Amino acid sequence: MNKLTKLFAAALFSLPVVATQATADLADILAAGTVKIAIPESFAPFGSLGASGEYEGYDVDVAKLIAADLGVELELVPVTSNQRIPFLETDRVDLVIATMGANPERAKSIWFSSAYAPFFSGVFAASDKSIASVADLAGMSVGLTGGTLEDLELTNIAPETTEIIRFGDNAATRAAFESGQVDVLVSGNTVAAEISAANADADIETKFILKESPAFIGVKKGNIDLLFWVNTFILHKTLGGDLNTFSNTWLGQDLPELPNL
């Protein structure tokens, strides 16, 4: 066998390996008859276990509507904040609908849809805490969920004397604030609202908004047909009022104008 023949044979035998790599593009999902969607494991009102023992929330309703429009079965995959991108990259899920903000660092790893839900990150504390800006966090203990947008934002700007304590999920972060383990809660607005809703006497107020951060759907890089379909879905459900209904049901507000990508 001459050198050219050997090279051709090597290239030929390598082709099946490339062709059988796992993908989760639109045609694959339709052929499989099931879409696997990551939703928040414990982050009401976007995703958490309800009284019925089933997951419920804004993100869960969006996931259900996506499956219905695709005409396939839905497999919900509850995830923590740190699991969202790894689960997408390793094909454990087809989409991530888990209150994920878009930023340039995350965009190195995955693609983002247009925004589908409103969200902002804030700094919350008791009324007796004098906090008007990030500089006032000096010498305070701050609780937040590791790997979230809040973690990325605050880590870059917090004073050196701020003690940032990271927790594995939003439930643990909330519990730390409620028990007095930390002075300040840095989280999405829904966590603070949840604390107030659960306890009318809770002493918690918004000190300042850290970042406006609407939520985007995560799509694995390369799945261009799926990304186009998801963006069409978001446009259709925005114009049709479905997302506004979800926003009023779970967030108590009309859907604001959201950015498109």
Protein backbone atom coordinates (compact mmCIF):
# COMPACT_ATOMS: atom_id res chain seq x y z
CA MET A 1 0.00 0.00 0.00
CA ASN A 2 1.53 3.31 -1.07
CA LYS A 3 1.61 6.44 1.09
CA LEU A 4 -1.36 8.09 -0.70
CA THR A 5 -3.52 4.98 -0.28
CA LYS A 6 -2.66 4.79 3.42
CA LEU A 7 -3.65 8.43 3.93
CA PHE A 8 -6.94 7.87 2.10
CA ALA A 9 -7.70 4.79 4.19
CA ALA A 10 -6.93 6.62 7.41
CA ALA A 11 -9.25 9.47 6.45
CA LEU A 12 -11.99 7.03 5.45
CA PHE A 13 -11.86 5.14 8.75
CA SER A 14 -11.99 8.40 10.68
CA LEU A 15 -15.27 9.55 9.09
CA PRO A 16 -17.72 7.44 11.15
CA VAL A 17 -16.28 8.85 14.37
CA VAL A 18 -17.14 12.38 13.29
CA ALA A 19 -20.55 11.44 11.92
CA THR A 20 -21.72 9.71 15.10
CA GLN A 21 -20.85 12.46 17.56
CA ALA A 22 -23.76 13.23 19.87
CA THR A 23 -25.82 16.26 18.88
CA ALA A 24 -29.06 17.79 20.09
CA ASP A 25 -30.13 19.83 17.09
CA LEU A 26 -33.74 20.25 16.05
CA ALA A 27 -33.92 17.22 13.74
CA ASP A 28 -32.41 14.97 16.43
CA ILE A 29 -34.99 16.07 19.00
CA LEU A 30 -37.88 15.55 16.59
CA ALA A 31 -36.56 12.11 15.64
CA ALA A 32 -36.07 11.11 19.27
CA GLY A 33 -39.55 12.29 20.22
CA THR A 34 -38.28 13.79 23.48
CA VAL A 35 -36.72 17.10 24.46
CA LYS A 36 -34.55 17.24 27.59
CA ILE A 37 -34.72 20.65 29.24
CA ALA A 38 -32.77 21.81 32.28
CA ILE A 39 -34.86 23.80 34.76
CA PRO A 40 -33.96 25.27 38.17
CA GLU A 41 -33.75 22.66 40.89
CA SER A 42 -34.74 25.04 43.68
CA PHE A 43 -35.41 28.60 42.54
CA ALA A 44 -39.03 29.63 42.93
CA PRO A 45 -40.92 31.10 41.20
CA PHE A 46 -38.94 29.99 38.14
CA GLY A 47 -38.53 26.35 39.06
CA SER A 48 -39.00 24.34 42.25
CA LEU A 49 -40.98 21.42 43.65
CA GLY A 50 -44.59 22.39 44.28
CA ALA A 51 -47.06 21.05 46.83
CA SER A 52 -48.05 18.33 44.35
CA GLY A 53 -44.51 16.99 44.25
CA GLU A 54 -44.09 18.13 40.64
CA TYR A 55 -41.82 20.92 39.42
CA GLU A 56 -43.56 24.21 38.74
CA GLY A 57 -42.70 27.81 37.87
CA TYR A 58 -42.10 30.23 35.03
CA ASP A 59 -39.26 28.21 33.48
CA VAL A 60 -41.22 24.97 33.85
CA ASP A 61 -44.20 26.46 32.02
CA VAL A 62 -41.92 27.68 29.21
CA ALA A 63 -40.36 24.21 28.96
CA LYS A 64 -43.79 22.59 28.77
CA LEU A 65 -44.88 24.99 26.04
CA ILE A 66 -41.70 24.31 24.03
CA ALA A 67 -42.33 20.55 24.16
CA ALA A 68 -45.95 21.06 23.14
CA ASP A 69 -44.99 23.22 20.15
CA LEU A 70 -42.32 20.72 19.12
CA GLY A 71 -44.85 17.91 19.42
CA VAL A 72 -42.53 15.80 21.57
CA GLU A 73 -42.40 14.45 25.12
CA LEU A 74 -40.76 16.57 27.80
CA GLU A 75 -38.04 15.38 30.15
CA LEU A 76 -37.35 17.93 32.87
CA VAL A 77 -33.82 17.87 34.28
CA PRO A 78 -33.49 19.88 37.53
CA VAL A 79 -30.07 21.54 37.81
CA THR A 80 -28.13 23.83 40.13
CA SER A 81 -26.56 27.03 38.79
CA ASN A 82 -23.14 25.41 38.35
CA GLN A 83 -24.58 22.49 36.37
CA ARG A 84 -26.31 24.47 33.66
CA ILE A 85 -23.50 24.90 31.13
CA PRO A 86 -21.74 21.53 31.78
CA PHE A 87 -25.03 19.65 31.30
CA LEU A 88 -25.56 21.39 27.96
CA GLU A 89 -21.99 20.86 26.77
CA THR A 90 -22.08 17.12 27.59
CA ASP A 91 -25.49 16.52 25.95
CA ARG A 92 -27.27 15.67 29.19
CA VAL A 93 -29.84 18.27 28.15
CA ASP A 94 -30.92 19.83 24.86
CA LEU A 95 -31.82 23.25 26.27
CA VAL A 96 -31.24 25.18 29.48
CA ILE A 97 -34.23 27.19 30.69
CA ALA A 98 -33.01 28.11 34.16
CA THR A 99 -32.94 31.91 34.67
CA MET A 100 -29.54 32.15 33.00
CA GLY A 101 -28.11 35.56 32.19
CA ALA A 102 -26.01 36.07 29.07
CA ASN A 103 -22.48 37.44 29.22
CA PRO A 104 -19.34 37.27 27.03
CA GLU A 105 -17.66 34.67 29.27
CA ARG A 106 -20.58 32.23 29.07
CA ALA A 107 -20.94 32.91 25.34
CA LYS A 108 -17.50 31.34 24.84
CA SER A 109 -19.08 28.01 25.78
CA ILE A 110 -22.71 28.09 24.62
CA TRP A 111 -25.16 30.04 22.49
CA PHE A 112 -28.01 32.15 23.86
CA SER A 113 -31.50 32.78 22.55
CA SER A 114 -33.31 36.07 22.77
CA ALA A 115 -34.46 36.93 26.31
CA TYR A 116 -37.64 35.21 27.47
CA ALA A 117 -38.06 36.38 31.10
CA PRO A 118 -37.43 39.52 33.17
CA PHE A 119 -34.95 39.40 36.03
CA PHE A 120 -32.65 41.69 37.99
CA SER A 121 -29.89 41.06 40.51
CA GLY A 122 -30.00 43.14 43.67
CA VAL A 123 -28.38 43.73 47.02
CA PHE A 124 -30.79 43.12 49.89
CA ALA A 125 -30.41 43.60 53.64
CA ALA A 126 -32.24 44.58 56.81
CA SER A 127 -33.55 48.12 57.15
CA ASP A 128 -30.93 49.04 59.75
CA LYS A 129 -28.07 48.35 57.32
CA SER A 130 -26.82 51.54 55.65
CA ILE A 131 -25.98 50.36 52.13
CA ALA A 132 -26.32 52.59 49.07
CA SER A 133 -23.52 51.31 46.83
CA VAL A 134 -21.04 48.49 46.51
CA ALA A 135 -18.50 50.49 48.54
CA ASP A 136 -20.78 50.15 51.58
CA LEU A 137 -20.30 46.37 51.55
CA ALA A 138 -16.82 46.82 53.03
CA GLY A 139 -16.46 44.75 56.19
CA MET A 140 -19.76 42.93 55.65
CA SER A 141 -20.49 39.26 54.99
CA VAL A 142 -22.37 38.71 51.75
CA GLY A 143 -24.20 35.52 50.82
CA LEU A 144 -24.75 34.52 47.21
CA THR A 145 -25.05 31.41 45.05
CA GLY A 146 -21.77 30.31 43.49
CA GLY A 147 -21.45 30.39 39.72
CA THR A 148 -24.35 32.78 39.19
CA LEU A 149 -24.30 36.14 37.44
CA GLU A 150 -24.40 37.78 40.89
CA ASP A 151 -21.21 35.92 41.81
CA LEU A 152 -19.44 37.03 38.63
CA GLU A 153 -20.54 40.65 38.97
CA LEU A 154 -19.87 41.16 42.68
CA THR A 155 -16.54 39.34 42.75
CA ASN A 156 -15.15 41.88 40.27
CA ILE A 157 -16.23 45.00 42.16
CA ALA A 158 -16.55 44.18 45.88
CA PRO A 159 -14.19 45.89 48.35
CA GLU A 160 -11.29 43.73 49.53
CA THR A 161 -12.73 43.57 53.05
CA THR A 162 -16.06 42.16 51.88
CA GLU A 163 -16.47 38.53 52.90
CA ILE A 164 -18.22 36.76 50.02
CA ILE A 165 -19.70 33.42 51.11
CA ARG A 166 -20.82 31.19 48.24
CA PHE A 167 -23.54 28.56 48.58
CA GLY A 168 -24.46 25.66 46.33
CA ASP A 169 -27.97 26.77 45.47
CA ASN A 170 -30.46 29.56 46.06
CA ALA A 171 -32.26 27.72 48.87
CA ALA A 172 -29.03 27.53 50.87
CA THR A 173 -28.25 31.19 50.14
CA ARG A 174 -31.69 32.26 51.30
CA ALA A 175 -31.44 30.14 54.47
CA ALA A 176 -28.08 31.71 55.33
CA PHE A 177 -29.57 35.21 55.15
CA GLU A 178 -32.71 34.32 57.08
CA SER A 179 -30.67 32.68 59.86
CA GLY A 180 -28.33 35.67 60.17
CA GLN A 181 -25.31 33.76 58.90
CA VAL A 182 -24.63 36.62 56.46
CA ASP A 183 -25.34 40.36 56.69
CA VAL A 184 -26.31 40.86 53.07
CA LEU A 185 -28.13 38.84 50.44
CA VAL A 186 -27.09 39.26 46.81
CA SER A 187 -29.53 37.47 44.54
CA GLY A 188 -32.24 37.78 41.97
CA ASN A 189 -35.23 39.90 42.89
CA THR A 190 -37.43 36.82 43.13
CA VAL A 191 -35.48 35.40 46.09
CA ALA A 192 -36.08 38.54 48.14
CA ALA A 193 -39.74 38.54 47.12
CA GLU A 194 -39.98 34.92 48.20
CA ILE A 195 -38.63 35.78 51.66
CA SER A 196 -41.16 38.58 52.07
CA ALA A 197 -44.02 36.41 50.82
CA ALA A 198 -43.16 33.63 53.28
CA ASN A 199 -42.86 35.98 56.24
CA ALA A 200 -44.74 39.28 56.29
CA ASP A 201 -42.55 40.46 59.19
CA ALA A 202 -39.27 39.75 57.43
CA ASP A 203 -36.92 42.73 57.63
CA ILE A 204 -35.52 42.89 54.12
CA GLU A 205 -35.32 45.71 51.60
CA THR A 206 -33.64 46.43 48.30
CA LYS A 207 -30.48 48.47 48.83
CA PHE A 208 -29.47 48.85 45.19
CA ILE A 209 -29.75 47.02 41.87
CA LEU A 210 -26.54 45.26 40.94
CA LYS A 211 -27.50 44.42 37.36
CA GLU A 212 -30.50 44.17 35.11
CA SER A 213 -30.25 40.61 33.88
CA PRO A 214 -33.11 39.17 31.84
CA ALA A 215 -33.06 35.40 31.37
CA PHE A 216 -32.01 33.67 28.14
CA ILE A 217 -32.34 30.08 26.93
CA GLY A 218 -29.05 28.20 26.57
CA VAL A 219 -28.39 26.22 23.37
CA LYS A 220 -25.36 24.04 22.68
CA LYS A 221 -22.90 25.59 20.21
CA GLY A 222 -23.41 24.32 16.68
CA ASN A 223 -27.13 23.61 17.00
CA ILE A 224 -28.13 26.43 14.68
CA ASP A 225 -31.53 25.02 13.62
CA LEU A 226 -32.54 24.62 17.25
CA LEU A 227 -31.42 28.17 18.07
CA PHE A 228 -33.46 29.61 15.19
CA TRP A 229 -36.49 27.57 16.27
CA VAL A 230 -36.21 28.73 19.90
CA ASN A 231 -35.97 32.39 18.85
CA THR A 232 -39.04 31.96 16.65
CA PHE A 233 -40.83 30.35 19.59
CA ILE A 234 -39.96 33.28 21.89
CA LEU A 235 -41.16 35.82 19.30
CA HIS A 236 -44.40 33.91 18.76
CA LYS A 237 -45.15 33.54 22.49
CA THR A 238 -44.28 37.18 23.17
CA LEU A 239 -46.61 38.46 20.46
CA GLY A 240 -49.29 35.93 21.41
CA GLY A 241 -49.26 36.91 25.07
CA ASP A 242 -48.21 33.55 26.52
CA LEU A 243 -45.05 34.92 28.12
CA ASN A 244 -46.99 37.87 29.51
CA THR A 245 -49.39 35.40 31.15
CA PHE A 246 -46.46 33.50 32.70
CA SER A 247 -44.93 36.75 33.93
CA ASN A 248 -48.15 37.81 35.65
CA THR A 249 -48.75 34.34 37.08
CA TRP A 250 -45.30 33.80 38.55
CA LEU A 251 -43.73 37.27 38.89
CA GLY A 252 -46.78 39.46 39.44
CA GLN A 253 -45.86 41.87 36.66
CA ASP A 254 -46.46 42.44 32.97
CA LEU A 255 -43.72 41.22 30.67
CA PRO A 256 -41.41 44.18 29.99
CA GLU A 257 -39.66 44.76 26.69
CA LEU A 258 -36.81 42.27 26.54
CA PRO A 259 -33.61 42.28 24.43
CA ASN A 260 -33.26 40.19 21.29
CA LEU A 261 -30.05 38.51 20.15
